[in-house]
Amino acid sequence: GGAGRSGSPAASQASASQASASFRQLATMSAGVVSGLRRSVPTKNATTVRGAIQTDAKVPETASGGALLDSGGRLIGLTVTPYGKGQAGVGFAVAVDDLMQVVPSLITLRQIS
């Protein structure tokens, strides 16, 4: 597994495509460190993402679902945007180990069991 360790380097990458075909795809990346593990993050649908990775890499609100990478370019999580007033300079991601438990159900059942 590879959720990283607190204090490990991390990078957040996001891409957003514009609605009009005349615009090119935009990509951003920011660097930081893993500053916490197993955090709880509130979501818009009144649930909580548990076990999240906390990073000081900038994660813009529009970047939810972007990759959180370690210094070797390996995926360690997918970024999420907390609902409500987040703390400036703090980003969050769902750990790749947790994603690997959920994704098979999403593919086969089209729902999380």
N, C-alpha and C. Protein backbone atom coordinates (compact mmCIF):
# COMPACT_ATOMS: atom_id res chain seq x y z
N GLY A 1 0.83 -1.18 0.00
CA GLY A 1 0.00 0.00 0.00
C GLY A 1 0.86 1.23 0.00
N GLY A 2 0.26 2.37 -0.35
CA GLY A 2 1.09 3.55 -0.46
C GLY A 2 0.39 4.83 -0.10
N ALA A 3 -0.07 4.98 1.11
CA ALA A 3 -0.71 6.22 1.50
C ALA A 3 0.30 7.27 1.91
N GLY A 4 1.58 6.95 1.85
CA GLY A 4 2.59 7.93 2.25
C GLY A 4 2.74 7.98 3.75
N ARG A 5 3.66 8.79 4.18
CA ARG A 5 3.88 9.00 5.61
C ARG A 5 3.79 10.49 5.87
N SER A 6 3.43 10.83 7.08
CA SER A 6 3.40 12.24 7.46
C SER A 6 4.80 12.81 7.29
N GLY A 7 4.88 13.95 6.65
CA GLY A 7 6.16 14.59 6.37
C GLY A 7 6.73 14.23 5.01
N SER A 8 6.10 13.28 4.30
CA SER A 8 6.57 12.88 2.98
C SER A 8 6.20 13.94 1.95
N PRO A 9 7.05 14.14 0.93
CA PRO A 9 6.70 15.08 -0.14
C PRO A 9 5.46 14.60 -0.88
N ALA A 10 4.64 15.54 -1.36
CA ALA A 10 3.44 15.22 -2.12
C ALA A 10 3.20 16.31 -3.14
N ALA A 11 2.51 15.96 -4.21
CA ALA A 11 2.13 16.93 -5.24
C ALA A 11 0.69 16.69 -5.61
N SER A 12 -0.05 17.77 -5.81
CA SER A 12 -1.45 17.70 -6.21
C SER A 12 -1.54 18.11 -7.67
N GLN A 13 -2.21 17.28 -8.48
CA GLN A 13 -2.37 17.59 -9.89
C GLN A 13 -3.84 17.58 -10.22
N ALA A 14 -4.28 18.56 -11.00
CA ALA A 14 -5.67 18.63 -11.40
C ALA A 14 -5.75 19.05 -12.85
N SER A 15 -6.77 18.60 -13.53
CA SER A 15 -7.01 19.09 -14.87
C SER A 15 -8.48 19.40 -15.01
N ALA A 16 -8.77 20.43 -15.72
CA ALA A 16 -10.16 20.83 -15.94
C ALA A 16 -10.31 21.22 -17.40
N SER A 17 -11.29 20.62 -18.08
CA SER A 17 -11.50 21.01 -19.46
C SER A 17 -12.61 22.04 -19.53
N GLN A 18 -12.45 22.97 -20.44
CA GLN A 18 -13.42 24.04 -20.62
C GLN A 18 -14.60 23.52 -21.44
N ALA A 19 -15.76 24.15 -21.28
CA ALA A 19 -16.96 23.72 -21.98
C ALA A 19 -16.84 23.94 -23.49
N SER A 20 -16.19 24.97 -23.89
CA SER A 20 -16.06 25.29 -25.30
C SER A 20 -14.88 24.56 -25.92
N ALA A 21 -15.05 24.05 -27.12
CA ALA A 21 -13.98 23.33 -27.81
C ALA A 21 -12.84 24.27 -28.17
N SER A 22 -13.07 25.57 -28.13
CA SER A 22 -12.02 26.51 -28.51
C SER A 22 -10.98 26.69 -27.41
N PHE A 23 -11.24 26.18 -26.20
CA PHE A 23 -10.29 26.28 -25.11
C PHE A 23 -9.50 24.99 -24.98
N ARG A 24 -8.25 25.11 -24.66
CA ARG A 24 -7.40 23.94 -24.43
C ARG A 24 -7.59 23.45 -23.00
N GLN A 25 -7.23 22.20 -22.76
CA GLN A 25 -7.32 21.66 -21.41
C GLN A 25 -6.30 22.37 -20.52
N LEU A 26 -6.73 22.73 -19.32
CA LEU A 26 -5.86 23.41 -18.36
C LEU A 26 -5.37 22.40 -17.34
N ALA A 27 -4.12 22.49 -16.95
CA ALA A 27 -3.57 21.59 -15.94
C ALA A 27 -2.79 22.40 -14.93
N THR A 28 -2.87 22.01 -13.68
CA THR A 28 -2.12 22.68 -12.62
C THR A 28 -1.45 21.64 -11.75
N MET A 29 -0.38 22.03 -11.09
CA MET A 29 0.28 21.16 -10.13
C MET A 29 0.88 22.02 -9.04
N SER A 30 0.79 21.55 -7.82
CA SER A 30 1.44 22.24 -6.71
C SER A 30 2.13 21.20 -5.83
N ALA A 31 3.18 21.62 -5.15
CA ALA A 31 3.96 20.71 -4.32
C ALA A 31 3.74 21.01 -2.85
N GLY A 32 3.94 20.01 -2.02
CA GLY A 32 3.81 20.18 -0.57
C GLY A 32 4.26 18.92 0.12
N VAL A 33 3.84 18.77 1.35
CA VAL A 33 4.16 17.57 2.14
C VAL A 33 2.88 16.99 2.71
N VAL A 34 2.92 15.69 3.00
CA VAL A 34 1.83 15.06 3.73
C VAL A 34 1.94 15.55 5.16
N SER A 35 0.90 16.23 5.63
CA SER A 35 0.96 16.82 6.96
C SER A 35 0.07 16.11 7.97
N GLY A 36 -0.67 15.10 7.51
CA GLY A 36 -1.50 14.35 8.44
C GLY A 36 -2.12 13.14 7.76
N LEU A 37 -2.42 12.14 8.54
CA LEU A 37 -3.06 10.92 8.04
C LEU A 37 -4.32 10.63 8.84
N ARG A 38 -5.20 9.85 8.25
CA ARG A 38 -6.44 9.42 8.91
C ARG A 38 -7.29 10.59 9.40
N ARG A 39 -7.43 11.61 8.58
CA ARG A 39 -8.26 12.77 8.91
C ARG A 39 -9.70 12.52 8.47
N SER A 40 -10.65 13.24 9.04
CA SER A 40 -12.06 13.20 8.64
C SER A 40 -12.40 14.49 7.92
N VAL A 41 -13.07 14.35 6.77
CA VAL A 41 -13.39 15.51 5.93
C VAL A 41 -14.89 15.52 5.65
N PRO A 42 -15.62 16.60 6.04
CA PRO A 42 -17.06 16.68 5.75
C PRO A 42 -17.31 16.88 4.26
N THR A 43 -18.42 16.30 3.75
CA THR A 43 -18.78 16.43 2.34
C THR A 43 -20.10 17.17 2.18
N LYS A 44 -20.42 17.55 0.94
CA LYS A 44 -21.65 18.30 0.67
C LYS A 44 -22.91 17.50 0.95
N ASN A 45 -22.85 16.16 0.85
CA ASN A 45 -24.06 15.36 1.08
C ASN A 45 -24.19 14.87 2.52
N ALA A 46 -23.59 15.61 3.43
CA ALA A 46 -23.70 15.37 4.87
C ALA A 46 -23.08 14.05 5.32
N THR A 47 -22.11 13.54 4.56
CA THR A 47 -21.35 12.38 4.98
C THR A 47 -19.93 12.84 5.31
N THR A 48 -19.11 11.92 5.73
CA THR A 48 -17.73 12.25 6.08
C THR A 48 -16.78 11.28 5.40
N VAL A 49 -15.75 11.81 4.76
CA VAL A 49 -14.67 10.98 4.23
C VAL A 49 -13.73 10.72 5.40
N ARG A 50 -13.56 9.47 5.76
CA ARG A 50 -12.70 9.12 6.87
C ARG A 50 -11.38 8.55 6.34
N GLY A 51 -10.33 8.71 7.10
CA GLY A 51 -9.04 8.16 6.70
C GLY A 51 -8.33 8.96 5.63
N ALA A 52 -8.69 10.23 5.49
CA ALA A 52 -8.10 11.06 4.43
C ALA A 52 -6.66 11.44 4.74
N ILE A 53 -5.93 11.70 3.67
CA ILE A 53 -4.57 12.21 3.76
C ILE A 53 -4.66 13.73 3.77
N GLN A 54 -3.94 14.38 4.67
CA GLN A 54 -3.89 15.85 4.72
C GLN A 54 -2.56 16.29 4.12
N THR A 55 -2.61 17.32 3.29
CA THR A 55 -1.41 17.85 2.67
C THR A 55 -1.44 19.37 2.67
N ASP A 56 -0.26 19.97 2.60
CA ASP A 56 -0.23 21.42 2.44
C ASP A 56 -0.07 21.80 0.97
N ALA A 57 -0.09 20.80 0.07
CA ALA A 57 -0.11 21.09 -1.37
C ALA A 57 -1.44 21.76 -1.69
N LYS A 58 -1.41 22.83 -2.45
CA LYS A 58 -2.64 23.56 -2.77
C LYS A 58 -3.58 22.67 -3.57
N VAL A 59 -4.82 22.54 -3.09
CA VAL A 59 -5.86 21.77 -3.77
C VAL A 59 -7.04 22.72 -4.00
N PRO A 60 -7.11 23.35 -5.19
CA PRO A 60 -8.21 24.27 -5.45
C PRO A 60 -9.56 23.54 -5.42
N GLU A 61 -10.61 24.27 -5.14
CA GLU A 61 -11.95 23.70 -5.06
C GLU A 61 -12.32 22.97 -6.36
N THR A 62 -11.86 23.49 -7.49
CA THR A 62 -12.17 22.88 -8.78
C THR A 62 -11.31 21.65 -9.07
N ALA A 63 -10.38 21.30 -8.18
CA ALA A 63 -9.46 20.20 -8.44
C ALA A 63 -9.88 18.90 -7.78
N SER A 64 -11.06 18.83 -7.22
CA SER A 64 -11.50 17.60 -6.58
C SER A 64 -11.45 16.45 -7.58
N GLY A 65 -10.86 15.34 -7.17
CA GLY A 65 -10.71 14.20 -8.07
C GLY A 65 -9.36 14.15 -8.76
N GLY A 66 -8.51 15.15 -8.51
CA GLY A 66 -7.17 15.15 -9.08
C GLY A 66 -6.26 14.20 -8.32
N ALA A 67 -5.14 13.89 -8.91
CA ALA A 67 -4.18 12.95 -8.31
C ALA A 67 -3.35 13.62 -7.23
N LEU A 68 -3.11 12.90 -6.14
CA LEU A 68 -2.12 13.29 -5.14
C LEU A 68 -0.98 12.30 -5.31
N LEU A 69 0.20 12.80 -5.66
CA LEU A 69 1.34 11.97 -6.01
C LEU A 69 2.44 12.09 -4.97
N ASP A 70 3.23 11.02 -4.81
CA ASP A 70 4.40 11.13 -3.95
C ASP A 70 5.57 11.66 -4.80
N SER A 71 6.73 11.81 -4.19
CA SER A 71 7.86 12.41 -4.90
C SER A 71 8.37 11.53 -6.04
N GLY A 72 7.97 10.25 -6.07
CA GLY A 72 8.34 9.35 -7.15
C GLY A 72 7.30 9.29 -8.26
N GLY A 73 6.24 10.13 -8.14
CA GLY A 73 5.19 10.16 -9.15
C GLY A 73 4.14 9.07 -8.98
N ARG A 74 4.17 8.34 -7.86
CA ARG A 74 3.19 7.29 -7.61
C ARG A 74 1.93 7.89 -6.98
N LEU A 75 0.79 7.39 -7.42
CA LEU A 75 -0.50 7.83 -6.89
C LEU A 75 -0.62 7.41 -5.43
N ILE A 76 -0.89 8.38 -4.54
CA ILE A 76 -1.14 8.04 -3.14
C ILE A 76 -2.57 8.40 -2.73
N GLY A 77 -3.28 9.15 -3.58
CA GLY A 77 -4.66 9.49 -3.27
C GLY A 77 -5.31 10.33 -4.36
N LEU A 78 -6.63 10.52 -4.23
CA LEU A 78 -7.39 11.42 -5.09
C LEU A 78 -7.91 12.55 -4.23
N THR A 79 -7.71 13.77 -4.70
CA THR A 79 -8.06 14.93 -3.89
C THR A 79 -9.57 15.09 -3.72
N VAL A 80 -9.95 15.61 -2.57
CA VAL A 80 -11.35 15.91 -2.26
C VAL A 80 -11.40 17.34 -1.72
N THR A 81 -12.52 17.97 -1.93
CA THR A 81 -12.72 19.32 -1.43
C THR A 81 -13.64 19.27 -0.23
N PRO A 82 -13.19 19.73 0.93
CA PRO A 82 -14.07 19.71 2.11
C PRO A 82 -15.24 20.66 1.93
N TYR A 83 -16.36 20.31 2.51
CA TYR A 83 -17.54 21.16 2.46
C TYR A 83 -17.48 22.15 3.61
N GLY A 84 -17.94 23.35 3.35
CA GLY A 84 -17.91 24.38 4.38
C GLY A 84 -16.61 25.15 4.32
N LYS A 85 -16.28 25.78 5.40
CA LYS A 85 -15.07 26.59 5.45
C LYS A 85 -13.87 25.69 5.73
N GLY A 86 -13.05 25.48 4.70
CA GLY A 86 -11.83 24.71 4.89
C GLY A 86 -10.75 25.62 5.43
N GLN A 87 -9.67 25.04 5.86
CA GLN A 87 -8.54 25.83 6.34
C GLN A 87 -7.67 26.19 5.15
N ALA A 88 -7.28 27.44 5.06
CA ALA A 88 -6.39 27.86 3.99
C ALA A 88 -5.08 27.10 4.09
N GLY A 89 -4.56 26.65 2.96
CA GLY A 89 -3.29 25.96 2.95
C GLY A 89 -3.35 24.50 3.34
N VAL A 90 -4.56 23.94 3.46
CA VAL A 90 -4.72 22.54 3.82
C VAL A 90 -5.56 21.85 2.75
N GLY A 91 -5.02 20.76 2.19
CA GLY A 91 -5.76 19.98 1.21
C GLY A 91 -5.94 18.57 1.72
N PHE A 92 -6.86 17.84 1.10
CA PHE A 92 -7.17 16.47 1.53
C PHE A 92 -7.28 15.55 0.33
N ALA A 93 -7.04 14.26 0.56
CA ALA A 93 -7.18 13.25 -0.49
C ALA A 93 -7.64 11.94 0.13
N VAL A 94 -8.42 11.18 -0.64
CA VAL A 94 -8.79 9.82 -0.25
C VAL A 94 -7.58 8.94 -0.57
N ALA A 95 -7.12 8.17 0.40
CA ALA A 95 -5.94 7.32 0.22
C ALA A 95 -6.18 6.26 -0.85
N VAL A 96 -5.15 5.98 -1.64
CA VAL A 96 -5.26 5.00 -2.72
C VAL A 96 -5.64 3.63 -2.17
N ASP A 97 -5.20 3.26 -0.99
CA ASP A 97 -5.58 1.97 -0.40
C ASP A 97 -7.09 1.89 -0.20
N ASP A 98 -7.70 2.99 0.22
CA ASP A 98 -9.16 3.02 0.38
C ASP A 98 -9.86 2.96 -0.97
N LEU A 99 -9.30 3.66 -1.96
CA LEU A 99 -9.88 3.63 -3.31
C LEU A 99 -9.89 2.21 -3.88
N MET A 100 -8.82 1.48 -3.63
CA MET A 100 -8.70 0.12 -4.16
C MET A 100 -9.75 -0.82 -3.56
N GLN A 101 -10.28 -0.49 -2.40
CA GLN A 101 -11.35 -1.28 -1.79
C GLN A 101 -12.71 -0.92 -2.37
N VAL A 102 -12.88 0.33 -2.80
CA VAL A 102 -14.18 0.82 -3.27
C VAL A 102 -14.37 0.66 -4.77
N VAL A 103 -13.33 0.87 -5.55
CA VAL A 103 -13.45 0.89 -7.01
C VAL A 103 -14.03 -0.40 -7.59
N PRO A 104 -13.63 -1.60 -7.15
CA PRO A 104 -14.24 -2.80 -7.74
C PRO A 104 -15.76 -2.84 -7.61
N SER A 105 -16.30 -2.39 -6.47
CA SER A 105 -17.75 -2.34 -6.29
C SER A 105 -18.40 -1.33 -7.23
N LEU A 106 -17.72 -0.21 -7.41
CA LEU A 106 -18.25 0.80 -8.33
C LEU A 106 -18.30 0.27 -9.76
N ILE A 107 -17.30 -0.50 -10.14
CA ILE A 107 -17.25 -1.04 -11.50
C ILE A 107 -18.31 -2.13 -11.70
N THR A 108 -18.39 -3.06 -10.77
CA THR A 108 -19.30 -4.20 -10.96
C THR A 108 -20.74 -3.91 -10.53
N LEU A 109 -20.92 -3.23 -9.42
CA LEU A 109 -22.26 -2.99 -8.89
C LEU A 109 -22.80 -1.60 -9.18
N ARG A 110 -21.91 -0.71 -9.61
CA ARG A 110 -22.24 0.70 -9.85
C ARG A 110 -22.71 1.39 -8.58
N GLN A 111 -22.27 0.88 -7.44
CA GLN A 111 -22.56 1.49 -6.16
C GLN A 111 -21.54 1.02 -5.15
N ILE A 112 -21.43 1.75 -4.06
CA ILE A 112 -20.53 1.37 -2.99
C ILE A 112 -21.31 0.54 -2.00
N SER A 113 -20.82 -0.66 -1.71
CA SER A 113 -21.55 -1.53 -0.77
C SER A 113 -21.07 -1.32 0.64
